């Protein structure tokens, strides 16, 4: 997971669940991050569908 701000990107780590993603977003300083998970202006899901955390094929 990376956060883009101030013209740059900061890698926070690898998320394995929605909970992990929420913790990373809180660490980045966002309040109420659970409400942002389905907002494409805030979260870009890559490598699969949103909220699906199974292993890649």
PDB file of N, CA and C in Angstrom:
ATOM      1  N   UNK A   1       0.835  -1.155   0.000  1.00  0.00           N
ATOM      2  CA  UNK A   1       0.000   0.000   0.000  1.00  0.00           C
ATOM      3  C   UNK A   1       0.883   1.222   0.000  1.00  0.00           C
ATOM      4  N   UNK A   2       0.530   2.185  -0.833  1.00  0.00           N
ATOM      5  CA  UNK A   2       1.262   3.447  -0.842  1.00  0.00           C
ATOM      6  C   UNK A   2       0.281   4.601  -0.714  1.00  0.00           C
ATOM      7  N   UNK A   3       0.779   5.678  -0.158  1.00  0.00           N
ATOM      8  CA  UNK A   3      -0.001   6.900   0.007  1.00  0.00           C
ATOM      9  C   UNK A   3       0.664   7.962  -0.853  1.00  0.00           C
ATOM     10  N   UNK A   4      -0.134   8.647  -1.645  1.00  0.00           N
ATOM     11  CA  UNK A   4       0.366   9.719  -2.508  1.00  0.00           C
ATOM     12  C   UNK A   4      -0.046  11.055  -1.906  1.00  0.00           C
ATOM     13  N   UNK A   5       0.966  11.854  -1.579  1.00  0.00           N
ATOM     14  CA  UNK A   5       0.681  13.175  -1.025  1.00  0.00           C
ATOM     15  C   UNK A   5       1.886  14.077  -1.251  1.00  0.00           C
ATOM     16  N   UNK A   6       1.635  15.350  -1.296  1.00  0.00           N
ATOM     17  CA  UNK A   6       2.687  16.359  -1.468  1.00  0.00           C
ATOM     18  C   UNK A   6       3.569  16.065  -2.679  1.00  0.00           C
ATOM     19  N   UNK A   7       2.971  15.539  -3.748  1.00  0.00           N
ATOM     20  CA  UNK A   7       3.712  15.285  -4.970  1.00  0.00           C
ATOM     21  C   UNK A   7       4.567  14.037  -4.971  1.00  0.00           C
ATOM     22  N   UNK A   8       4.474  13.225  -3.930  1.00  0.00           N
ATOM     23  CA  UNK A   8       5.278  12.004  -3.859  1.00  0.00           C
ATOM     24  C   UNK A   8       4.470  10.841  -3.343  1.00  0.00           C
ATOM     25  N   UNK A   9       5.101   9.674  -3.326  1.00  0.00           N
ATOM     26  CA  UNK A   9       4.446   8.461  -2.838  1.00  0.00           C
ATOM     27  C   UNK A   9       5.260   7.891  -1.684  1.00  0.00           C
ATOM     28  N   UNK A  10       4.559   7.413  -0.679  1.00  0.00           N
ATOM     29  CA  UNK A  10       5.192   6.778   0.470  1.00  0.00           C
ATOM     30  C   UNK A  10       4.627   5.369   0.602  1.00  0.00           C
ATOM     31  N   UNK A  11       5.481   4.371   0.576  1.00  0.00           N
ATOM     32  CA  UNK A  11       5.038   2.983   0.738  1.00  0.00           C
ATOM     33  C   UNK A  11       4.865   2.708   2.224  1.00  0.00           C
ATOM     34  N   UNK A  12       3.656   2.258   2.598  1.00  0.00           N
ATOM     35  CA  UNK A  12       3.360   1.973   3.998  1.00  0.00           C
ATOM     36  C   UNK A  12       3.482   0.499   4.328  1.00  0.00           C
ATOM     37  N   UNK A  13       3.270  -0.376   3.352  1.00  0.00           N
ATOM     38  CA  UNK A  13       3.366  -1.808   3.609  1.00  0.00           C
ATOM     39  C   UNK A  13       2.409  -2.592   2.738  1.00  0.00           C
ATOM     40  N   UNK A  14       2.285  -3.869   3.029  1.00  0.00           N
ATOM     41  CA  UNK A  14       1.426  -4.778   2.277  1.00  0.00           C
ATOM     42  C   UNK A  14       0.199  -5.110   3.112  1.00  0.00           C
ATOM     43  N   UNK A  15      -0.976  -4.841   2.576  1.00  0.00           N
ATOM     44  CA  UNK A  15      -2.228  -5.139   3.269  1.00  0.00           C
ATOM     45  C   UNK A  15      -2.715  -6.527   2.889  1.00  0.00           C
ATOM     46  N   UNK A  16      -3.226  -7.256   3.878  1.00  0.00           N
ATOM     47  CA  UNK A  16      -3.762  -8.597   3.665  1.00  0.00           C
ATOM     48  C   UNK A  16      -5.255  -8.675   3.971  1.00  0.00           C
ATOM     49  N   UNK A  17      -5.841  -7.543   4.369  1.00  0.00           N
ATOM     50  CA  UNK A  17      -7.260  -7.513   4.722  1.00  0.00           C
ATOM     51  C   UNK A  17      -7.734  -6.059   4.726  1.00  0.00           C
ATOM     52  N   UNK A  18      -9.042  -5.888   4.762  1.00  0.00           N
ATOM     53  CA  UNK A  18      -9.590  -4.534   4.889  1.00  0.00           C
ATOM     54  C   UNK A  18      -9.087  -3.893   6.180  1.00  0.00           C
ATOM     55  N   UNK A  19      -8.983  -4.688   7.243  1.00  0.00           N
ATOM     56  CA  UNK A  19      -8.502  -4.153   8.526  1.00  0.00           C
ATOM     57  C   UNK A  19      -7.095  -3.577   8.374  1.00  0.00           C
ATOM     58  N   UNK A  20      -6.199  -4.311   7.694  1.00  0.00           N
ATOM     59  CA  UNK A  20      -4.847  -3.810   7.461  1.00  0.00           C
ATOM     60  C   UNK A  20      -4.885  -2.486   6.713  1.00  0.00           C
ATOM     61  N   UNK A  21      -5.708  -2.408   5.695  1.00  0.00           N
ATOM     62  CA  UNK A  21      -5.821  -1.197   4.898  1.00  0.00           C
ATOM     63  C   UNK A  21      -6.304  -0.027   5.748  1.00  0.00           C
ATOM     64  N   UNK A  22      -7.281  -0.272   6.601  1.00  0.00           N
ATOM     65  CA  UNK A  22      -7.797   0.768   7.490  1.00  0.00           C
ATOM     66  C   UNK A  22      -6.702   1.263   8.432  1.00  0.00           C
ATOM     67  N   UNK A  23      -5.913   0.336   8.982  1.00  0.00           N
ATOM     68  CA  UNK A  23      -4.818   0.723   9.881  1.00  0.00           C
ATOM     69  C   UNK A  23      -3.798   1.590   9.144  1.00  0.00           C
ATOM     70  N   UNK A  24      -3.433   1.202   7.903  1.00  0.00           N
ATOM     71  CA  UNK A  24      -2.498   2.006   7.127  1.00  0.00           C
ATOM     72  C   UNK A  24      -3.050   3.407   6.875  1.00  0.00           C
ATOM     73  N   UNK A  25      -4.330   3.504   6.533  1.00  0.00           N
ATOM     74  CA  UNK A  25      -4.931   4.808   6.269  1.00  0.00           C
ATOM     75  C   UNK A  25      -4.971   5.668   7.527  1.00  0.00           C
ATOM     76  N   UNK A  26      -5.242   5.041   8.679  1.00  0.00           N
ATOM     77  CA  UNK A  26      -5.204   5.780   9.945  1.00  0.00           C
ATOM     78  C   UNK A  26      -3.795   6.291  10.221  1.00  0.00           C
ATOM     79  N   UNK A  27      -2.795   5.445   9.958  1.00  0.00           N
ATOM     80  CA  UNK A  27      -1.399   5.827  10.155  1.00  0.00           C
ATOM     81  C   UNK A  27      -1.022   7.007   9.266  1.00  0.00           C
ATOM     82  N   UNK A  28      -1.616   7.059   8.078  1.00  0.00           N
ATOM     83  CA  UNK A  28      -1.364   8.159   7.152  1.00  0.00           C
ATOM     84  C   UNK A  28      -2.077   9.448   7.579  1.00  0.00           C
ATOM     85  N   UNK A  29      -2.886   9.368   8.649  1.00  0.00           N
ATOM     86  CA  UNK A  29      -3.530  10.565   9.170  1.00  0.00           C
ATOM     87  C   UNK A  29      -4.957  10.792   8.734  1.00  0.00           C
ATOM     88  N   UNK A  30      -5.564   9.806   8.066  1.00  0.00           N
ATOM     89  CA  UNK A  30      -6.951   9.972   7.629  1.00  0.00           C
ATOM     90  C   UNK A  30      -7.910   9.577   8.738  1.00  0.00           C
ATOM     91  N   UNK A  31      -8.914  10.407   8.958  1.00  0.00           N
ATOM     92  CA  UNK A  31      -9.937  10.057   9.931  1.00  0.00           C
ATOM     93  C   UNK A  31     -11.058   9.308   9.222  1.00  0.00           C
ATOM     94  N   UNK A  32     -11.683   8.384   9.888  1.00  0.00           N
ATOM     95  CA  UNK A  32     -12.768   7.561   9.348  1.00  0.00           C
ATOM     96  C   UNK A  32     -12.365   6.831   8.062  1.00  0.00           C
ATOM     97  N   UNK A  33     -11.236   6.124   8.050  1.00  0.00           N
ATOM     98  CA  UNK A  33     -10.772   5.487   6.824  1.00  0.00           C
ATOM     99  C   UNK A  33     -11.682   4.377   6.301  1.00  0.00           C
ATOM    100  N   UNK A  34     -12.441   3.723   7.174  1.00  0.00           N
ATOM    101  CA  UNK A  34     -13.338   2.652   6.717  1.00  0.00           C
ATOM    102  C   UNK A  34     -14.357   3.191   5.721  1.00  0.00           C
ATOM    103  N   UNK A  35     -14.737   4.445   5.878  1.00  0.00           N
ATOM    104  CA  UNK A  35     -15.710   5.064   4.974  1.00  0.00           C
ATOM    105  C   UNK A  35     -15.109   5.375   3.601  1.00  0.00           C
ATOM    106  N   UNK A  36     -13.781   5.336   3.488  1.00  0.00           N
ATOM    107  CA  UNK A  36     -13.114   5.696   2.241  1.00  0.00           C
ATOM    108  C   UNK A  36     -12.815   4.499   1.342  1.00  0.00           C
ATOM    109  N   UNK A  37     -12.950   3.278   1.845  1.00  0.00           N
ATOM    110  CA  UNK A  37     -12.531   2.092   1.098  1.00  0.00           C
ATOM    111  C   UNK A  37     -13.231   1.927  -0.248  1.00  0.00           C
ATOM    112  N   UNK A  38     -14.458   2.376  -0.350  1.00  0.00           N
ATOM    113  CA  UNK A  38     -15.200   2.235  -1.607  1.00  0.00           C
ATOM    114  C   UNK A  38     -15.252   3.519  -2.426  1.00  0.00           C
ATOM    115  N   UNK A  39     -14.467   4.501  -2.026  1.00  0.00           N
ATOM    116  CA  UNK A  39     -14.425   5.773  -2.744  1.00  0.00           C
ATOM    117  C   UNK A  39     -13.194   5.779  -3.656  1.00  0.00           C
ATOM    118  N   UNK A  40     -13.394   5.692  -4.983  1.00  0.00           N
ATOM    119  CA  UNK A  40     -12.256   5.623  -5.899  1.00  0.00           C
ATOM    120  C   UNK A  40     -11.389   6.888  -5.913  1.00  0.00           C
ATOM    121  N   UNK A  41     -11.886   7.983  -5.342  1.00  0.00           N
ATOM    122  CA  UNK A  41     -11.063   9.178  -5.218  1.00  0.00           C
ATOM    123  C   UNK A  41      -9.988   8.997  -4.141  1.00  0.00           C
ATOM    124  N   UNK A  42     -10.208   8.030  -3.235  1.00  0.00           N
ATOM    125  CA  UNK A  42      -9.278   7.802  -2.135  1.00  0.00           C
ATOM    126  C   UNK A  42      -8.525   6.488  -2.230  1.00  0.00           C
ATOM    127  N   UNK A  43      -9.187   5.428  -2.713  1.00  0.00           N
ATOM    128  CA  UNK A  43      -8.574   4.091  -2.739  1.00  0.00           C
ATOM    129  C   UNK A  43      -8.625   3.533  -4.156  1.00  0.00           C
ATOM    130  N   UNK A  44      -7.482   3.147  -4.670  1.00  0.00           N
ATOM    131  CA  UNK A  44      -7.397   2.486  -5.968  1.00  0.00           C
ATOM    132  C   UNK A  44      -7.026   1.024  -5.715  1.00  0.00           C
ATOM    133  N   UNK A  45      -7.961   0.134  -6.012  1.00  0.00           N
ATOM    134  CA  UNK A  45      -7.722  -1.297  -5.823  1.00  0.00           C
ATOM    135  C   UNK A  45      -6.974  -1.829  -7.039  1.00  0.00           C
ATOM    136  N   UNK A  46      -5.932  -2.600  -6.806  1.00  0.00           N
ATOM    137  CA  UNK A  46      -5.136  -3.159  -7.908  1.00  0.00           C
ATOM    138  C   UNK A  46      -4.971  -4.662  -7.708  1.00  0.00           C
ATOM    139  N   UNK A  47      -4.914  -5.380  -8.828  1.00  0.00           N
ATOM    140  CA  UNK A  47      -4.617  -6.803  -8.775  1.00  0.00           C
ATOM    141  C   UNK A  47      -5.795  -7.680  -8.413  1.00  0.00           C
ATOM    142  N   UNK A  48      -6.961  -7.111  -8.298  1.00  0.00           N
ATOM    143  CA  UNK A  48      -8.148  -7.885  -7.944  1.00  0.00           C
ATOM    144  C   UNK A  48      -9.321  -6.970  -7.683  1.00  0.00           C
ATOM    145  N   UNK A  49     -10.403  -7.580  -7.276  1.00  0.00           N
ATOM    146  CA  UNK A  49     -11.608  -6.796  -6.992  1.00  0.00           C
ATOM    147  C   UNK A  49     -11.561  -6.272  -5.569  1.00  0.00           C
ATOM    148  N   UNK A  50     -12.238  -5.153  -5.309  1.00  0.00           N
ATOM    149  CA  UNK A  50     -12.250  -4.596  -3.953  1.00  0.00           C
ATOM    150  C   UNK A  50     -12.723  -5.614  -2.921  1.00  0.00           C
ATOM    151  N   UNK A  51     -12.060  -5.625  -1.793  1.00  0.00           N
ATOM    152  CA  UNK A  51     -12.414  -6.430  -0.613  1.00  0.00           C
ATOM    153  C   UNK A  51     -12.179  -7.925  -0.813  1.00  0.00           C
ATOM    154  N   UNK A  52     -11.551  -8.357  -1.895  1.00  0.00           N
ATOM    155  CA  UNK A  52     -11.224  -9.769  -2.097  1.00  0.00           C
ATOM    156  C   UNK A  52      -9.745  -9.941  -1.809  1.00  0.00           C
ATOM    157  N   UNK A  53      -9.436 -10.688  -0.771  1.00  0.00           N
ATOM    158  CA  UNK A  53      -8.074 -10.786  -0.284  1.00  0.00           C
ATOM    159  C   UNK A  53      -7.478 -12.182  -0.469  1.00  0.00           C
ATOM    160  N   UNK A  54      -8.047 -13.003  -1.322  1.00  0.00           N
ATOM    161  CA  UNK A  54      -7.495 -14.329  -1.568  1.00  0.00           C
ATOM    162  C   UNK A  54      -6.164 -14.241  -2.296  1.00  0.00           C
ATOM    163  N   UNK A  55      -5.497 -15.369  -2.434  1.00  0.00           N
ATOM    164  CA  UNK A  55      -4.210 -15.379  -3.135  1.00  0.00           C
ATOM    165  C   UNK A  55      -4.406 -15.174  -4.626  1.00  0.00           C
ATOM    166  N   UNK A  56      -3.412 -14.594  -5.253  1.00  0.00           N
ATOM    167  CA  UNK A  56      -3.464 -14.339  -6.689  1.00  0.00           C
ATOM    168  C   UNK A  56      -3.267 -15.639  -7.450  1.00  0.00           C
ATOM    169  N   UNK A  57      -3.881 -15.746  -8.643  1.00  0.00           N
ATOM    170  CA  UNK A  57      -3.719 -16.978  -9.421  1.00  0.00           C
ATOM    171  C   UNK A  57      -2.309 -17.154  -9.930  1.00  0.00           C
TER     172      UNK A  57
END
